[in-house]
Amino acid sequence: MPTSPEEHAKGSGDAPLVLEEYGDFECPYCKHAYPVLRALLDGHDRLVQFIYRHYPDPGTHPNSQMTAEAAESAAAQGKFWQFHDLVYTRTGELNGKVLVGFAQRLGLDLPRFNQDLELRVHEARVAQDIETALSRGVRGTPGFFLNGTRIDTSFGLRHLRDAVRAGLANLNTPAPERGVLASVPYQR
């Protein structure tokens, strides 16, 4: 699926592999996938483009919609990935106070950030990602696609790891060997 200017993508736009994640910042499985993704993508910016899209589930994760909108506010100030990384490496509960603390830590314009959250400025942007996720059959997080093909991670991240490694191998490029990839359990 091609990227648009407002999407959050890392890596080369010409990369032969495109890995997409539909994520929920409060989802423990997404948080668990974060270090695995970092290890998989490390050093492959020219070969793998990573795209993050929002799929918050406020019914299960009450602060997920607000956090997605906060991430979009950070994106409007050029700090999406820094905000993304802070959220996924956090400990404890996400709430408005914590999100403002992240914004402050990143040096964001706090009055603008707070106004964005209060007025729900980025609600439509998040809704756009949710609509796309639903149209592609995503029903839970994390939802992964590699070159448009859904990767089933319901029984662990091994399928994701194997799919990315196979894609890299098909490019005649050695996949990274990271101990964390083989040792990460992922149960639902």
N, C-alpha and C. Protein backbone atom coordinates (compact mmCIF):
# COMPACT_ATOMS: atom_id res chain seq x y z
N MET A 1 0.85 -1.18 0.00
CA MET A 1 0.00 0.00 0.00
C MET A 1 0.89 1.24 0.00
N PRO A 2 0.78 2.13 -0.97
CA PRO A 2 1.66 3.27 -1.06
C PRO A 2 1.47 4.24 0.10
N THR A 3 2.53 4.92 0.44
CA THR A 3 2.46 5.88 1.54
C THR A 3 2.02 7.24 1.03
N SER A 4 1.38 7.97 1.92
CA SER A 4 1.02 9.35 1.63
C SER A 4 1.86 10.25 2.51
N PRO A 5 1.94 11.53 2.21
CA PRO A 5 2.82 12.42 2.97
C PRO A 5 2.53 12.45 4.47
N GLU A 6 1.28 12.23 4.89
CA GLU A 6 0.97 12.29 6.31
C GLU A 6 1.23 10.98 7.05
N GLU A 7 1.62 9.93 6.32
CA GLU A 7 1.91 8.67 6.98
C GLU A 7 3.26 8.70 7.68
N HIS A 8 3.41 7.79 8.61
CA HIS A 8 4.64 7.72 9.40
C HIS A 8 5.47 6.56 8.88
N ALA A 9 6.51 6.88 8.13
CA ALA A 9 7.34 5.87 7.50
C ALA A 9 8.81 6.11 7.84
N LYS A 10 9.50 5.01 8.08
CA LYS A 10 10.95 5.02 8.30
C LYS A 10 11.56 4.17 7.20
N GLY A 11 12.72 4.57 6.76
CA GLY A 11 13.40 3.80 5.72
C GLY A 11 13.12 4.41 4.36
N SER A 12 13.78 3.86 3.37
CA SER A 12 13.70 4.39 2.01
C SER A 12 12.33 4.13 1.39
N GLY A 13 11.81 5.16 0.73
CA GLY A 13 10.57 5.01 -0.02
C GLY A 13 10.73 4.08 -1.21
N ASP A 14 11.98 3.78 -1.59
CA ASP A 14 12.27 2.86 -2.69
C ASP A 14 12.61 1.46 -2.20
N ALA A 15 12.45 1.21 -0.90
CA ALA A 15 12.82 -0.09 -0.35
C ALA A 15 11.99 -1.20 -0.99
N PRO A 16 12.61 -2.34 -1.29
CA PRO A 16 11.86 -3.43 -1.90
C PRO A 16 10.89 -4.13 -0.92
N LEU A 17 11.12 -3.97 0.38
CA LEU A 17 10.22 -4.54 1.38
C LEU A 17 9.52 -3.41 2.14
N VAL A 18 8.21 -3.54 2.29
CA VAL A 18 7.43 -2.56 3.04
C VAL A 18 6.72 -3.31 4.16
N LEU A 19 7.08 -2.98 5.39
CA LEU A 19 6.48 -3.58 6.57
C LEU A 19 5.56 -2.56 7.21
N GLU A 20 4.29 -2.91 7.34
CA GLU A 20 3.29 -2.02 7.92
C GLU A 20 2.81 -2.59 9.24
N GLU A 21 2.64 -1.71 10.21
CA GLU A 21 2.04 -2.10 11.49
C GLU A 21 0.83 -1.23 11.76
N TYR A 22 -0.27 -1.87 12.13
CA TYR A 22 -1.42 -1.17 12.70
C TYR A 22 -1.31 -1.42 14.19
N GLY A 23 -1.09 -0.34 14.95
CA GLY A 23 -0.82 -0.50 16.37
C GLY A 23 -1.68 0.35 17.27
N ASP A 24 -1.69 -0.05 18.52
CA ASP A 24 -2.41 0.61 19.60
C ASP A 24 -1.37 0.86 20.69
N PHE A 25 -1.15 2.12 21.02
CA PHE A 25 -0.08 2.47 21.96
C PHE A 25 -0.27 1.87 23.36
N GLU A 26 -1.48 1.47 23.71
CA GLU A 26 -1.70 0.85 25.02
C GLU A 26 -1.72 -0.67 24.96
N CYS A 27 -1.63 -1.23 23.78
CA CYS A 27 -1.70 -2.68 23.62
C CYS A 27 -0.40 -3.33 24.12
N PRO A 28 -0.49 -4.27 25.07
CA PRO A 28 0.73 -4.91 25.56
C PRO A 28 1.44 -5.73 24.49
N TYR A 29 0.70 -6.26 23.51
CA TYR A 29 1.31 -7.04 22.44
C TYR A 29 2.10 -6.13 21.49
N CYS A 30 1.59 -4.91 21.25
CA CYS A 30 2.32 -3.95 20.44
C CYS A 30 3.60 -3.53 21.16
N LYS A 31 3.48 -3.31 22.45
CA LYS A 31 4.65 -2.93 23.24
C LYS A 31 5.69 -4.06 23.20
N HIS A 32 5.21 -5.28 23.27
CA HIS A 32 6.09 -6.44 23.22
C HIS A 32 6.77 -6.57 21.85
N ALA A 33 6.06 -6.18 20.80
CA ALA A 33 6.60 -6.28 19.44
C ALA A 33 7.65 -5.20 19.16
N TYR A 34 7.60 -4.09 19.88
CA TYR A 34 8.47 -2.94 19.62
C TYR A 34 9.96 -3.31 19.57
N PRO A 35 10.53 -3.96 20.59
CA PRO A 35 11.97 -4.27 20.50
C PRO A 35 12.30 -5.27 19.39
N VAL A 36 11.36 -6.16 19.09
CA VAL A 36 11.58 -7.12 18.01
C VAL A 36 11.64 -6.39 16.67
N LEU A 37 10.71 -5.46 16.48
CA LEU A 37 10.73 -4.65 15.25
C LEU A 37 12.02 -3.88 15.12
N ARG A 38 12.44 -3.26 16.21
CA ARG A 38 13.70 -2.49 16.17
C ARG A 38 14.86 -3.38 15.76
N ALA A 39 14.93 -4.57 16.30
CA ALA A 39 16.01 -5.50 15.96
C ALA A 39 15.92 -5.95 14.50
N LEU A 40 14.71 -6.21 14.04
CA LEU A 40 14.53 -6.64 12.64
C LEU A 40 14.92 -5.55 11.65
N LEU A 41 14.58 -4.31 11.99
CA LEU A 41 14.77 -3.21 11.05
C LEU A 41 16.15 -2.57 11.14
N ASP A 42 16.85 -2.83 12.22
CA ASP A 42 18.16 -2.21 12.44
C ASP A 42 19.12 -2.47 11.27
N GLY A 43 19.59 -1.40 10.68
CA GLY A 43 20.56 -1.50 9.61
C GLY A 43 19.98 -1.81 8.24
N HIS A 44 18.66 -1.82 8.12
CA HIS A 44 18.04 -2.16 6.84
C HIS A 44 17.17 -1.03 6.28
N ASP A 45 17.53 0.21 6.58
CA ASP A 45 16.73 1.36 6.12
C ASP A 45 16.58 1.43 4.61
N ARG A 46 17.57 0.95 3.88
CA ARG A 46 17.49 1.00 2.41
C ARG A 46 16.69 -0.15 1.83
N LEU A 47 16.52 -1.21 2.63
CA LEU A 47 15.85 -2.41 2.13
C LEU A 47 14.43 -2.59 2.65
N VAL A 48 14.15 -2.02 3.83
CA VAL A 48 12.83 -2.18 4.45
C VAL A 48 12.30 -0.81 4.85
N GLN A 49 11.13 -0.49 4.34
CA GLN A 49 10.44 0.71 4.81
C GLN A 49 9.41 0.24 5.84
N PHE A 50 9.40 0.90 6.99
CA PHE A 50 8.46 0.58 8.05
C PHE A 50 7.43 1.70 8.15
N ILE A 51 6.17 1.31 8.14
CA ILE A 51 5.07 2.28 8.22
C ILE A 51 4.24 1.95 9.45
N TYR A 52 4.01 2.96 10.27
CA TYR A 52 3.18 2.79 11.46
C TYR A 52 1.85 3.49 11.22
N ARG A 53 0.76 2.76 11.51
CA ARG A 53 -0.59 3.33 11.42
C ARG A 53 -1.33 3.04 12.72
N HIS A 54 -2.23 3.93 13.06
CA HIS A 54 -2.98 3.82 14.32
C HIS A 54 -4.17 2.87 14.19
N TYR A 55 -4.36 2.08 15.23
CA TYR A 55 -5.57 1.27 15.36
C TYR A 55 -5.90 1.15 16.85
N PRO A 56 -6.25 2.29 17.46
CA PRO A 56 -6.55 2.27 18.89
C PRO A 56 -7.86 1.52 19.17
N ASP A 57 -7.92 0.93 20.34
CA ASP A 57 -9.12 0.21 20.78
C ASP A 57 -9.52 0.78 22.14
N PRO A 58 -10.24 1.91 22.14
CA PRO A 58 -10.59 2.54 23.41
C PRO A 58 -11.49 1.69 24.30
N GLY A 59 -12.20 0.73 23.73
CA GLY A 59 -13.01 -0.16 24.54
C GLY A 59 -12.18 -1.03 25.47
N THR A 60 -11.02 -1.41 25.00
CA THR A 60 -10.10 -2.23 25.78
C THR A 60 -9.01 -1.39 26.44
N HIS A 61 -8.55 -0.39 25.72
CA HIS A 61 -7.45 0.48 26.18
C HIS A 61 -7.96 1.92 26.22
N PRO A 62 -8.43 2.37 27.38
CA PRO A 62 -9.16 3.64 27.47
C PRO A 62 -8.39 4.88 27.02
N ASN A 63 -7.08 4.85 27.07
CA ASN A 63 -6.30 6.04 26.68
C ASN A 63 -5.66 5.91 25.30
N SER A 64 -6.01 4.87 24.58
CA SER A 64 -5.35 4.62 23.29
C SER A 64 -5.71 5.66 22.23
N GLN A 65 -6.95 6.09 22.17
CA GLN A 65 -7.34 7.11 21.19
C GLN A 65 -6.63 8.43 21.49
N MET A 66 -6.64 8.84 22.76
CA MET A 66 -5.98 10.08 23.15
C MET A 66 -4.48 10.00 22.84
N THR A 67 -3.87 8.85 23.07
CA THR A 67 -2.44 8.69 22.82
C THR A 67 -2.15 8.76 21.33
N ALA A 68 -2.99 8.15 20.51
CA ALA A 68 -2.81 8.23 19.06
C ALA A 68 -2.92 9.69 18.59
N GLU A 69 -3.90 10.42 19.12
CA GLU A 69 -4.05 11.83 18.77
C GLU A 69 -2.86 12.65 19.27
N ALA A 70 -2.33 12.30 20.44
CA ALA A 70 -1.14 12.98 20.96
C ALA A 70 0.07 12.72 20.06
N ALA A 71 0.18 11.49 19.56
CA ALA A 71 1.27 11.16 18.64
C ALA A 71 1.16 11.99 17.36
N GLU A 72 -0.07 12.19 16.90
CA GLU A 72 -0.27 13.03 15.71
C GLU A 72 0.07 14.49 16.00
N SER A 73 -0.20 14.94 17.20
CA SER A 73 0.19 16.30 17.58
C SER A 73 1.71 16.42 17.57
N ALA A 74 2.38 15.41 18.09
CA ALA A 74 3.85 15.39 18.05
C ALA A 74 4.32 15.36 16.60
N ALA A 75 3.64 14.61 15.75
CA ALA A 75 4.00 14.54 14.33
C ALA A 75 3.88 15.91 13.67
N ALA A 76 2.85 16.64 14.04
CA ALA A 76 2.66 17.99 13.47
C ALA A 76 3.81 18.92 13.85
N GLN A 77 4.54 18.55 14.89
CA GLN A 77 5.70 19.32 15.32
C GLN A 77 7.01 18.60 14.97
N GLY A 78 6.91 17.61 14.08
CA GLY A 78 8.11 16.94 13.59
C GLY A 78 8.73 15.92 14.53
N LYS A 79 7.95 15.40 15.48
CA LYS A 79 8.53 14.49 16.48
C LYS A 79 7.72 13.20 16.65
N PHE A 80 7.11 12.71 15.57
CA PHE A 80 6.31 11.49 15.71
C PHE A 80 7.14 10.32 16.23
N TRP A 81 8.25 10.03 15.58
CA TRP A 81 9.00 8.82 15.94
C TRP A 81 9.58 8.90 17.34
N GLN A 82 9.98 10.10 17.75
CA GLN A 82 10.49 10.25 19.12
C GLN A 82 9.37 9.98 20.13
N PHE A 83 8.17 10.49 19.82
CA PHE A 83 7.01 10.27 20.69
C PHE A 83 6.65 8.78 20.70
N HIS A 84 6.58 8.19 19.53
CA HIS A 84 6.30 6.76 19.37
C HIS A 84 7.24 5.93 20.25
N ASP A 85 8.52 6.21 20.16
CA ASP A 85 9.51 5.44 20.91
C ASP A 85 9.35 5.64 22.42
N LEU A 86 9.06 6.87 22.84
CA LEU A 86 8.84 7.12 24.27
C LEU A 86 7.64 6.32 24.78
N VAL A 87 6.57 6.33 24.03
CA VAL A 87 5.36 5.62 24.46
C VAL A 87 5.63 4.12 24.57
N TYR A 88 6.29 3.55 23.58
CA TYR A 88 6.51 2.10 23.60
C TYR A 88 7.61 1.65 24.57
N THR A 89 8.39 2.56 25.08
CA THR A 89 9.40 2.19 26.07
C THR A 89 9.00 2.61 27.48
N ARG A 90 7.80 3.11 27.64
CA ARG A 90 7.33 3.59 28.94
C ARG A 90 7.09 2.44 29.90
N THR A 91 7.01 2.81 31.15
CA THR A 91 6.49 1.90 32.16
C THR A 91 5.32 2.62 32.80
N GLY A 92 4.37 1.88 33.23
CA GLY A 92 3.21 2.48 33.89
C GLY A 92 2.11 2.87 32.92
N GLU A 93 1.08 3.45 33.49
CA GLU A 93 -0.13 3.80 32.75
C GLU A 93 0.07 5.04 31.88
N LEU A 94 -0.62 5.05 30.77
CA LEU A 94 -0.67 6.25 29.93
C LEU A 94 -1.89 7.06 30.34
N ASN A 95 -1.71 8.35 30.49
CA ASN A 95 -2.82 9.26 30.76
C ASN A 95 -2.40 10.63 30.27
N GLY A 96 -3.30 11.59 30.39
CA GLY A 96 -3.01 12.94 29.89
C GLY A 96 -1.76 13.55 30.50
N LYS A 97 -1.56 13.36 31.79
CA LYS A 97 -0.38 13.93 32.47
C LYS A 97 0.91 13.33 31.91
N VAL A 98 0.92 12.03 31.71
CA VAL A 98 2.10 11.34 31.16
C VAL A 98 2.38 11.83 29.74
N LEU A 99 1.32 11.97 28.92
CA LEU A 99 1.50 12.42 27.55
C LEU A 99 2.05 13.84 27.49
N VAL A 100 1.57 14.70 28.36
CA VAL A 100 2.10 16.06 28.43
C VAL A 100 3.57 16.02 28.86
N GLY A 101 3.89 15.11 29.79
CA GLY A 101 5.29 14.95 30.20
C GLY A 101 6.18 14.52 29.04
N PHE A 102 5.67 13.63 28.19
CA PHE A 102 6.42 13.22 27.00
C PHE A 102 6.61 14.42 26.07
N ALA A 103 5.56 15.20 25.86
CA ALA A 103 5.63 16.37 24.99
C ALA A 103 6.66 17.36 25.52
N GLN A 104 6.64 17.55 26.82
CA GLN A 104 7.60 18.46 27.46
C GLN A 104 9.03 17.93 27.28
N ARG A 105 9.21 16.65 27.50
CA ARG A 105 10.53 16.02 27.36
C ARG A 105 11.08 16.17 25.94
N LEU A 106 10.18 16.14 24.94
CA LEU A 106 10.59 16.26 23.54
C LEU A 106 10.72 17.71 23.09
N GLY A 107 10.42 18.64 23.97
CA GLY A 107 10.53 20.05 23.62
C GLY A 107 9.43 20.53 22.68
N LEU A 108 8.26 19.90 22.75
CA LEU A 108 7.15 20.33 21.91
C LEU A 108 6.56 21.63 22.44
N ASP A 109 5.89 22.33 21.57
CA ASP A 109 5.15 23.53 21.95
C ASP A 109 3.96 23.06 22.79
N LEU A 110 4.05 23.20 24.11
CA LEU A 110 3.03 22.64 25.00
C LEU A 110 1.65 23.27 24.84
N PRO A 111 1.55 24.60 24.71
CA PRO A 111 0.20 25.14 24.49
C PRO A 111 -0.45 24.57 23.22
N ARG A 112 0.31 24.43 22.18
CA ARG A 112 -0.22 23.86 20.93
C ARG A 112 -0.60 22.39 21.13
N PHE A 113 0.26 21.62 21.80
CA PHE A 113 0.00 20.21 22.07
C PHE A 113 -1.28 20.06 22.88
N ASN A 114 -1.40 20.83 23.96
CA ASN A 114 -2.59 20.75 24.81
C ASN A 114 -3.85 21.16 24.06
N GLN A 115 -3.74 22.18 23.24
CA GLN A 115 -4.89 22.62 22.45
C GLN A 115 -5.30 21.54 21.44
N ASP A 116 -4.30 20.93 20.81
CA ASP A 116 -4.58 19.84 19.87
C ASP A 116 -5.39 18.73 20.55
N LEU A 117 -4.98 18.37 21.77
CA LEU A 117 -5.68 17.30 22.49
C LEU A 117 -7.08 17.75 22.92
N GLU A 118 -7.16 18.95 23.44
CA GLU A 118 -8.45 19.46 23.91
C GLU A 118 -9.47 19.58 22.78
N LEU A 119 -9.03 20.08 21.62
CA LEU A 119 -9.93 20.29 20.49
C LEU A 119 -10.04 19.06 19.58
N ARG A 120 -9.29 18.00 19.91
CA ARG A 120 -9.29 16.76 19.12
C ARG A 120 -8.94 17.03 17.66
N VAL A 121 -7.92 17.86 17.47
CA VAL A 121 -7.49 18.30 16.15
C VAL A 121 -7.13 17.13 15.22
N HIS A 122 -6.58 16.08 15.78
CA HIS A 122 -6.08 14.97 14.96
C HIS A 122 -6.98 13.74 14.99
N GLU A 123 -8.20 13.89 15.46
CA GLU A 123 -9.15 12.78 15.53
C GLU A 123 -9.41 12.18 14.14
N ALA A 124 -9.60 13.03 13.15
CA ALA A 124 -9.90 12.55 11.78
C ALA A 124 -8.72 11.79 11.20
N ARG A 125 -7.51 12.23 11.49
CA ARG A 125 -6.31 11.54 10.99
C ARG A 125 -6.23 10.12 11.54
N VAL A 126 -6.51 9.97 12.83
CA VAL A 126 -6.50 8.65 13.46
C VAL A 126 -7.64 7.80 12.88
N ALA A 127 -8.81 8.40 12.70
CA ALA A 127 -9.96 7.69 12.13
C ALA A 127 -9.65 7.17 10.73
N GLN A 128 -8.87 7.91 9.99
CA GLN A 128 -8.46 7.48 8.64
C GLN A 128 -7.67 6.17 8.70
N ASP A 129 -6.74 6.08 9.66
CA ASP A 129 -5.97 4.84 9.82
C ASP A 129 -6.87 3.68 10.24
N ILE A 130 -7.82 3.95 11.14
CA ILE A 130 -8.73 2.91 11.59
C ILE A 130 -9.56 2.39 10.42
N GLU A 131 -10.06 3.30 9.61
CA GLU A 131 -10.85 2.91 8.43
C GLU A 131 -10.03 2.04 7.48
N THR A 132 -8.78 2.41 7.26
CA THR A 132 -7.90 1.63 6.40
C THR A 132 -7.66 0.23 7.00
N ALA A 133 -7.44 0.19 8.31
CA ALA A 133 -7.22 -1.10 8.99
C ALA A 133 -8.42 -2.01 8.81
N LEU A 134 -9.59 -1.48 9.05
CA LEU A 134 -10.80 -2.29 8.92
C LEU A 134 -11.00 -2.78 7.49
N SER A 135 -10.72 -1.91 6.51
CA SER A 135 -10.88 -2.31 5.11
C SER A 135 -9.91 -3.42 4.71
N ARG A 136 -8.81 -3.54 5.46
CA ARG A 136 -7.81 -4.58 5.16
C ARG A 136 -7.97 -5.82 6.04
N GLY A 137 -9.02 -5.82 6.85
CA GLY A 137 -9.31 -7.00 7.66
C GLY A 137 -8.62 -7.05 9.00
N VAL A 138 -8.02 -5.95 9.44
CA VAL A 138 -7.36 -5.93 10.74
C VAL A 138 -8.46 -5.88 11.81
N ARG A 139 -8.37 -6.77 12.77
CA ARG A 139 -9.37 -6.81 13.84
C ARG A 139 -8.73 -6.74 15.23
N GLY A 140 -7.40 -6.72 15.28
CA GLY A 140 -6.70 -6.64 16.55
C GLY A 140 -5.29 -6.13 16.32
N THR A 141 -4.62 -5.83 17.40
CA THR A 141 -3.27 -5.29 17.29
C THR A 141 -2.27 -6.22 17.98
N PRO A 142 -1.05 -6.20 17.49
CA PRO A 142 -0.60 -5.50 16.29
C PRO A 142 -1.04 -6.23 15.02
N GLY A 143 -1.31 -5.47 14.01
CA GLY A 143 -1.63 -6.01 12.70
C GLY A 143 -0.49 -5.71 11.75
N PHE A 144 0.12 -6.73 11.18
CA PHE A 144 1.29 -6.55 10.31
C PHE A 144 1.01 -6.99 8.89
N PHE A 145 1.62 -6.26 7.94
CA PHE A 145 1.61 -6.62 6.53
C PHE A 145 3.03 -6.47 6.00
N LEU A 146 3.47 -7.40 5.19
CA LEU A 146 4.75 -7.30 4.51
C LEU A 146 4.47 -7.33 3.02
N ASN A 147 4.81 -6.25 2.35
CA ASN A 147 4.51 -6.08 0.92
C ASN A 147 3.05 -6.40 0.62
N GLY A 148 2.18 -5.94 1.51
CA GLY A 148 0.74 -6.07 1.31
C GLY A 148 0.14 -7.38 1.76
N THR A 149 0.97 -8.35 2.19
CA THR A 149 0.47 -9.64 2.65
C THR A 149 0.40 -9.65 4.17
N ARG A 150 -0.75 -10.03 4.68
CA ARG A 150 -0.96 -10.08 6.12
C ARG A 150 -0.04 -11.11 6.76
N ILE A 151 0.58 -10.74 7.88
CA ILE A 151 1.44 -11.64 8.65
C ILE A 151 0.69 -11.98 9.94
N ASP A 152 0.37 -13.23 10.13
CA ASP A 152 -0.37 -13.67 11.32
C ASP A 152 0.59 -13.78 12.50
N THR A 153 0.37 -12.94 13.50
CA THR A 153 1.21 -13.00 14.70
C THR A 153 0.41 -13.47 15.91
N SER A 154 -0.74 -14.07 15.66
CA SER A 154 -1.59 -14.49 16.77
C SER A 154 -0.93 -15.55 17.65
N PHE A 155 0.04 -16.28 17.11
CA PHE A 155 0.73 -17.29 17.90
C PHE A 155 2.18 -16.91 18.18
N GLY A 156 2.52 -15.65 17.99
CA GLY A 156 3.85 -15.17 18.29
C GLY A 156 4.46 -14.37 17.16
N LEU A 157 5.54 -13.75 17.46
CA LEU A 157 6.22 -12.89 16.49
C LEU A 157 7.14 -13.66 15.56
N ARG A 158 7.22 -14.94 15.74
CA ARG A 158 8.11 -15.75 14.90
C ARG A 158 7.76 -15.63 13.42
N HIS A 159 6.46 -15.63 13.10
CA HIS A 159 6.05 -15.51 11.70
C HIS A 159 6.50 -14.18 11.11
N LEU A 160 6.42 -13.13 11.89
CA LEU A 160 6.87 -11.82 11.44
C LEU A 160 8.37 -11.84 11.20
N ARG A 161 9.10 -12.33 12.18
CA ARG A 161 10.56 -12.43 12.07
C ARG A 161 10.95 -13.25 10.84
N ASP A 162 10.31 -14.40 10.68
CA ASP A 162 10.63 -15.28 9.56
C ASP A 162 10.30 -14.64 8.22
N ALA A 163 9.17 -13.93 8.14
CA ALA A 163 8.77 -13.28 6.88
C ALA A 163 9.75 -12.19 6.49
N VAL A 164 10.17 -11.39 7.46
CA VAL A 164 11.14 -10.32 7.15
C VAL A 164 12.48 -10.93 6.77
N ARG A 165 12.92 -11.91 7.52
CA ARG A 165 14.19 -12.57 7.19
C ARG A 165 14.15 -13.21 5.80
N ALA A 166 13.04 -13.86 5.46
CA ALA A 166 12.90 -14.47 4.13
C ALA A 166 12.91 -13.41 3.05
N GLY A 167 12.23 -12.30 3.30
CA GLY A 167 12.24 -11.20 2.33
C GLY A 167 13.63 -10.66 2.11
N LEU A 168 14.39 -10.51 3.19
CA LEU A 168 15.77 -10.03 3.07
C LEU A 168 16.64 -11.07 2.35
N ALA A 169 16.43 -12.34 2.68
CA ALA A 169 17.21 -13.40 2.03
C ALA A 169 16.93 -13.43 0.53
N ASN A 170 15.69 -13.19 0.15
CA ASN A 170 15.35 -13.15 -1.28
C ASN A 170 16.03 -12.00 -1.99
N LEU A 171 16.46 -11.01 -1.24
CA LEU A 171 17.20 -9.89 -1.81
C LEU A 171 18.70 -10.16 -1.80
N ASN A 172 19.08 -11.38 -1.38
CA ASN A 172 20.49 -11.76 -1.24
C ASN A 172 21.22 -10.88 -0.24
N THR A 173 20.51 -10.52 0.80
CA THR A 173 21.08 -9.70 1.86
C THR A 173 20.98 -10.47 3.16
N PRO A 174 22.06 -10.59 3.89
CA PRO A 174 21.99 -11.34 5.15
C PRO A 174 21.07 -10.65 6.15
N ALA A 175 20.19 -11.43 6.77
CA ALA A 175 19.31 -10.92 7.81
C ALA A 175 20.10 -10.74 9.10
N PRO A 176 19.72 -9.78 9.92
CA PRO A 176 20.44 -9.59 11.18
C PRO A 176 20.20 -10.76 12.13
N GLU A 177 21.20 -11.16 12.78
CA GLU A 177 21.05 -12.20 13.80
C GLU A 177 21.05 -11.49 15.14
N ARG A 178 19.94 -11.55 15.79
CA ARG A 178 19.79 -10.90 17.08
C ARG A 178 19.24 -11.94 18.06
N GLY A 179 19.91 -12.11 19.17
CA GLY A 179 19.46 -13.06 20.17
C GLY A 179 18.04 -12.79 20.64
N VAL A 180 17.66 -11.52 20.71
CA VAL A 180 16.33 -11.17 21.20
C VAL A 180 15.24 -11.75 20.30
N LEU A 181 15.50 -11.90 19.03
CA LEU A 181 14.48 -12.40 18.12
C LEU A 181 14.11 -13.84 18.40
N ALA A 182 15.08 -14.64 18.74
CA ALA A 182 14.81 -16.05 18.98
C ALA A 182 14.23 -16.27 20.39
N SER A 183 14.47 -15.34 21.29
CA SER A 183 14.09 -15.58 22.68
C SER A 183 12.80 -14.89 23.10
N VAL A 184 12.18 -14.12 22.24
CA VAL A 184 11.00 -13.36 22.64
C VAL A 184 9.75 -14.24 22.54
N PRO A 185 9.15 -14.58 23.68
CA PRO A 185 7.88 -15.31 23.62
C PRO A 185 6.75 -14.33 23.33
N TYR A 186 5.72 -14.79 22.71
CA TYR A 186 4.62 -13.91 22.38
C TYR A 186 3.34 -14.72 22.43
N GLN A 187 2.71 -14.72 23.55
CA GLN A 187 1.50 -15.51 23.74
C GLN A 187 0.32 -14.58 23.98
N ARG A 188 -0.83 -15.01 23.54
CA ARG A 188 -2.07 -14.27 23.84
C ARG A 188 -2.87 -15.07 24.80
